[in-house]
Amino acid sequence: MEDDLFGERRTYQAPYIMNESAIPGGYIVSFHPGHTFEKHFATVGCRFEFPTLRDGYFGDLDDELLNAVRDDPGVRLVENDTAGPPPDDKNDW
């Protein structure tokens, strides 16, 4: 387990992949099967709108929101967005 900025214990943190040619602050968030945006927003503690994928979304996150997103047990993976075409939502990440 790892302490967060407030000294609280985190029991889960989604894996993070740093890609080459990453867009600063841009991330792709992939959900576990069955996870919903409603559950995600409730866990993260706020609502926001980003372009969605079949099982997640991509957009700009600050460090605080990135950590909250990664702490959601329904998040399977977070990776840096990269310069290039939009992610292929048929890709089995």
N, C-alpha and C. Protein backbone atom coordinates (compact mmCIF):
# COMPACT_ATOMS: atom_id res chain seq x y z
N MET A 1 0.83 -1.18 0.00
CA MET A 1 0.00 0.00 0.00
C MET A 1 0.87 1.24 0.00
N GLU A 2 0.32 2.32 -0.49
CA GLU A 2 1.07 3.55 -0.63
C GLU A 2 0.26 4.69 -0.03
N ASP A 3 0.93 5.66 0.62
CA ASP A 3 0.24 6.83 1.15
C ASP A 3 -0.02 7.84 0.05
N ASP A 4 -1.18 8.51 0.10
CA ASP A 4 -1.45 9.58 -0.85
C ASP A 4 -0.97 10.90 -0.24
N LEU A 5 -1.28 12.01 -0.89
CA LEU A 5 -0.83 13.32 -0.42
C LEU A 5 -1.35 13.67 0.96
N PHE A 6 -2.46 13.08 1.37
CA PHE A 6 -3.08 13.40 2.65
C PHE A 6 -2.75 12.37 3.72
N GLY A 7 -1.83 11.46 3.43
CA GLY A 7 -1.41 10.46 4.39
C GLY A 7 -2.38 9.31 4.55
N GLU A 8 -3.39 9.21 3.67
CA GLU A 8 -4.34 8.12 3.73
C GLU A 8 -3.82 6.93 2.93
N ARG A 9 -4.18 5.74 3.37
CA ARG A 9 -3.74 4.52 2.69
C ARG A 9 -4.59 4.25 1.46
N ARG A 10 -3.91 4.00 0.35
CA ARG A 10 -4.61 3.59 -0.87
C ARG A 10 -4.49 2.08 -0.98
N THR A 11 -5.59 1.44 -1.32
CA THR A 11 -5.57 -0.01 -1.44
C THR A 11 -5.43 -0.46 -2.89
N TYR A 12 -5.70 0.45 -3.84
CA TYR A 12 -5.62 0.11 -5.26
C TYR A 12 -5.14 1.33 -6.02
N GLN A 13 -4.32 1.09 -7.01
CA GLN A 13 -3.98 2.14 -7.96
C GLN A 13 -3.77 1.48 -9.32
N ALA A 14 -4.54 1.96 -10.31
CA ALA A 14 -4.48 1.39 -11.65
C ALA A 14 -3.07 1.53 -12.22
N PRO A 15 -2.63 0.55 -13.00
CA PRO A 15 -1.33 0.64 -13.65
C PRO A 15 -1.26 1.88 -14.55
N TYR A 16 -0.06 2.42 -14.66
CA TYR A 16 0.17 3.61 -15.48
C TYR A 16 1.26 3.31 -16.49
N ILE A 17 1.00 3.60 -17.76
CA ILE A 17 1.98 3.38 -18.83
C ILE A 17 2.38 4.73 -19.41
N MET A 18 3.67 5.03 -19.39
CA MET A 18 4.21 6.25 -19.98
C MET A 18 4.65 5.93 -21.40
N ASN A 19 3.99 6.52 -22.38
CA ASN A 19 4.32 6.28 -23.79
C ASN A 19 5.32 7.30 -24.30
N GLU A 20 6.09 6.90 -25.30
CA GLU A 20 6.96 7.86 -25.98
C GLU A 20 6.08 8.86 -26.70
N SER A 21 6.57 10.03 -26.93
CA SER A 21 5.86 11.13 -27.59
C SER A 21 4.53 11.44 -26.91
N ALA A 22 4.55 11.37 -25.57
CA ALA A 22 3.34 11.63 -24.79
C ALA A 22 2.95 13.10 -24.87
N ILE A 23 1.65 13.35 -24.87
CA ILE A 23 1.12 14.71 -24.79
C ILE A 23 1.09 15.08 -23.31
N PRO A 24 1.78 16.15 -22.90
CA PRO A 24 1.80 16.52 -21.49
C PRO A 24 0.38 16.71 -20.93
N GLY A 25 0.07 16.00 -19.86
CA GLY A 25 -1.22 16.11 -19.20
C GLY A 25 -2.33 15.33 -19.87
N GLY A 26 -2.07 14.71 -21.04
CA GLY A 26 -3.10 13.97 -21.77
C GLY A 26 -3.04 12.49 -21.40
N TYR A 27 -4.21 11.92 -21.09
CA TYR A 27 -4.26 10.52 -20.66
C TYR A 27 -5.40 9.77 -21.33
N ILE A 28 -5.23 8.46 -21.45
CA ILE A 28 -6.27 7.54 -21.89
C ILE A 28 -6.60 6.67 -20.68
N VAL A 29 -7.86 6.62 -20.32
CA VAL A 29 -8.32 5.87 -19.15
C VAL A 29 -9.20 4.72 -19.63
N SER A 30 -8.83 3.49 -19.26
CA SER A 30 -9.59 2.30 -19.65
C SER A 30 -10.24 1.68 -18.43
N PHE A 31 -11.53 1.35 -18.55
CA PHE A 31 -12.28 0.74 -17.45
C PHE A 31 -12.22 -0.78 -17.52
N HIS A 32 -12.39 -1.41 -16.34
CA HIS A 32 -12.64 -2.85 -16.29
C HIS A 32 -14.02 -3.10 -16.87
N PRO A 33 -14.26 -4.30 -17.44
CA PRO A 33 -15.60 -4.61 -17.95
C PRO A 33 -16.66 -4.42 -16.86
N GLY A 34 -17.77 -3.79 -17.24
CA GLY A 34 -18.87 -3.57 -16.31
C GLY A 34 -18.80 -2.27 -15.53
N HIS A 35 -17.64 -1.61 -15.54
CA HIS A 35 -17.54 -0.33 -14.82
C HIS A 35 -18.26 0.74 -15.64
N THR A 36 -18.92 1.66 -14.97
CA THR A 36 -19.69 2.69 -15.66
C THR A 36 -19.14 4.07 -15.33
N PHE A 37 -19.51 5.04 -16.16
CA PHE A 37 -19.11 6.41 -15.88
C PHE A 37 -19.74 6.90 -14.57
N GLU A 38 -20.97 6.49 -14.29
CA GLU A 38 -21.62 6.91 -13.03
C GLU A 38 -20.82 6.41 -11.83
N LYS A 39 -20.41 5.13 -11.85
CA LYS A 39 -19.61 4.58 -10.76
C LYS A 39 -18.27 5.32 -10.68
N HIS A 40 -17.68 5.58 -11.84
CA HIS A 40 -16.39 6.26 -11.88
C HIS A 40 -16.49 7.66 -11.27
N PHE A 41 -17.50 8.43 -11.68
CA PHE A 41 -17.67 9.79 -11.15
C PHE A 41 -17.91 9.76 -9.64
N ALA A 42 -18.67 8.78 -9.16
CA ALA A 42 -18.93 8.68 -7.73
C ALA A 42 -17.64 8.38 -6.97
N THR A 43 -16.79 7.53 -7.52
CA THR A 43 -15.53 7.18 -6.86
C THR A 43 -14.53 8.33 -6.91
N VAL A 44 -14.45 8.99 -8.06
CA VAL A 44 -13.49 10.08 -8.24
C VAL A 44 -13.94 11.32 -7.46
N GLY A 45 -15.24 11.48 -7.31
CA GLY A 45 -15.75 12.60 -6.53
C GLY A 45 -16.08 13.84 -7.34
N CYS A 46 -16.11 13.72 -8.66
CA CYS A 46 -16.50 14.86 -9.51
C CYS A 46 -16.94 14.33 -10.86
N ARG A 47 -17.62 15.18 -11.58
CA ARG A 47 -18.06 14.86 -12.95
C ARG A 47 -17.24 15.71 -13.92
N PHE A 48 -16.97 15.16 -15.08
CA PHE A 48 -16.28 15.91 -16.12
C PHE A 48 -16.65 15.30 -17.45
N GLU A 49 -16.39 16.02 -18.51
CA GLU A 49 -16.73 15.53 -19.85
C GLU A 49 -15.47 15.49 -20.71
N PHE A 50 -15.20 14.31 -21.22
CA PHE A 50 -14.11 14.09 -22.16
C PHE A 50 -14.65 13.21 -23.28
N PRO A 51 -13.96 13.18 -24.42
CA PRO A 51 -14.37 12.24 -25.46
C PRO A 51 -14.30 10.81 -24.91
N THR A 52 -15.33 10.03 -25.20
CA THR A 52 -15.39 8.68 -24.63
C THR A 52 -14.96 7.63 -25.64
N LEU A 53 -14.54 6.52 -25.10
CA LEU A 53 -14.20 5.32 -25.85
C LEU A 53 -15.19 4.24 -25.43
N ARG A 54 -15.10 3.09 -26.02
CA ARG A 54 -16.00 2.00 -25.66
C ARG A 54 -15.96 1.71 -24.16
N ASP A 55 -14.77 1.63 -23.60
CA ASP A 55 -14.61 1.30 -22.18
C ASP A 55 -13.72 2.32 -21.48
N GLY A 56 -14.00 3.62 -21.65
CA GLY A 56 -13.21 4.63 -20.98
C GLY A 56 -13.30 5.97 -21.68
N TYR A 57 -12.22 6.75 -21.56
CA TYR A 57 -12.20 8.09 -22.15
C TYR A 57 -10.77 8.57 -22.28
N PHE A 58 -10.60 9.72 -22.95
CA PHE A 58 -9.29 10.36 -22.99
C PHE A 58 -9.46 11.85 -22.81
N GLY A 59 -8.45 12.46 -22.18
CA GLY A 59 -8.52 13.90 -21.94
C GLY A 59 -7.38 14.37 -21.06
N ASP A 60 -7.40 15.65 -20.73
CA ASP A 60 -6.37 16.26 -19.90
C ASP A 60 -6.75 16.14 -18.42
N LEU A 61 -5.81 15.66 -17.62
CA LEU A 61 -6.01 15.50 -16.18
C LEU A 61 -4.86 16.18 -15.46
N ASP A 62 -5.16 16.95 -14.41
CA ASP A 62 -4.07 17.46 -13.57
C ASP A 62 -3.62 16.34 -12.63
N ASP A 63 -2.55 16.56 -11.89
CA ASP A 63 -1.98 15.50 -11.05
C ASP A 63 -2.97 15.00 -9.99
N GLU A 64 -3.73 15.90 -9.39
CA GLU A 64 -4.68 15.51 -8.36
C GLU A 64 -5.80 14.63 -8.94
N LEU A 65 -6.35 15.03 -10.08
CA LEU A 65 -7.40 14.23 -10.70
C LEU A 65 -6.84 12.91 -11.23
N LEU A 66 -5.63 12.93 -11.78
CA LEU A 66 -5.00 11.69 -12.24
C LEU A 66 -4.90 10.68 -11.11
N ASN A 67 -4.47 11.12 -9.93
CA ASN A 67 -4.37 10.20 -8.79
C ASN A 67 -5.73 9.67 -8.37
N ALA A 68 -6.75 10.54 -8.37
CA ALA A 68 -8.11 10.10 -8.02
C ALA A 68 -8.62 9.08 -9.03
N VAL A 69 -8.34 9.30 -10.30
CA VAL A 69 -8.76 8.37 -11.36
C VAL A 69 -8.06 7.03 -11.17
N ARG A 70 -6.77 7.05 -10.91
CA ARG A 70 -6.02 5.80 -10.74
C ARG A 70 -6.44 5.05 -9.48
N ASP A 71 -6.97 5.75 -8.48
CA ASP A 71 -7.41 5.10 -7.24
C ASP A 71 -8.76 4.40 -7.39
N ASP A 72 -9.46 4.63 -8.50
CA ASP A 72 -10.75 3.99 -8.73
C ASP A 72 -10.52 2.52 -9.09
N PRO A 73 -11.02 1.57 -8.29
CA PRO A 73 -10.83 0.15 -8.59
C PRO A 73 -11.43 -0.28 -9.93
N GLY A 74 -12.34 0.50 -10.48
CA GLY A 74 -12.94 0.18 -11.77
C GLY A 74 -12.09 0.58 -12.96
N VAL A 75 -10.98 1.28 -12.70
CA VAL A 75 -10.07 1.69 -13.77
C VAL A 75 -9.03 0.60 -13.96
N ARG A 76 -8.97 0.10 -15.17
CA ARG A 76 -8.04 -1.00 -15.50
C ARG A 76 -6.65 -0.51 -15.82
N LEU A 77 -6.56 0.64 -16.52
CA LEU A 77 -5.28 1.12 -17.01
C LEU A 77 -5.36 2.61 -17.32
N VAL A 78 -4.27 3.32 -17.05
CA VAL A 78 -4.12 4.72 -17.45
C VAL A 78 -2.81 4.81 -18.22
N GLU A 79 -2.87 5.45 -19.38
CA GLU A 79 -1.64 5.66 -20.14
C GLU A 79 -1.64 7.05 -20.73
N ASN A 80 -0.43 7.54 -21.01
CA ASN A 80 -0.32 8.85 -21.64
C ASN A 80 -0.91 8.82 -23.03
N ASP A 81 -1.64 9.88 -23.37
CA ASP A 81 -2.10 10.06 -24.74
C ASP A 81 -0.87 10.45 -25.57
N THR A 82 -0.87 10.10 -26.82
CA THR A 82 0.27 10.41 -27.68
C THR A 82 -0.17 11.20 -28.89
N ALA A 83 0.79 11.87 -29.49
CA ALA A 83 0.51 12.58 -30.73
C ALA A 83 0.21 11.54 -31.80
N GLY A 84 -0.86 11.74 -32.52
CA GLY A 84 -1.24 10.79 -33.56
C GLY A 84 -2.73 10.66 -33.64
N PRO A 85 -3.20 9.65 -34.36
CA PRO A 85 -4.65 9.47 -34.52
C PRO A 85 -5.30 9.12 -33.19
N PRO A 86 -6.61 9.34 -33.06
CA PRO A 86 -7.32 8.97 -31.82
C PRO A 86 -7.16 7.49 -31.54
N PRO A 87 -7.24 7.11 -30.26
CA PRO A 87 -7.11 5.69 -29.93
C PRO A 87 -8.18 4.86 -30.61
N ASP A 88 -7.82 3.63 -30.98
CA ASP A 88 -8.73 2.71 -31.62
C ASP A 88 -9.49 1.97 -30.53
N ASP A 89 -10.81 2.23 -30.41
CA ASP A 89 -11.55 1.62 -29.33
C ASP A 89 -11.78 0.13 -29.53
N LYS A 90 -11.30 -0.42 -30.62
CA LYS A 90 -11.35 -1.87 -30.82
C LYS A 90 -10.09 -2.53 -30.30
N ASN A 91 -9.10 -1.70 -29.95
CA ASN A 91 -7.84 -2.20 -29.44
C ASN A 91 -8.08 -2.86 -28.08
N ASP A 92 -7.58 -4.05 -27.88
CA ASP A 92 -7.74 -4.74 -26.62
C ASP A 92 -6.54 -4.44 -25.74
N TRP A 93 -6.59 -3.31 -25.05
CA TRP A 93 -5.45 -2.89 -24.22
C TRP A 93 -5.26 -3.81 -23.07
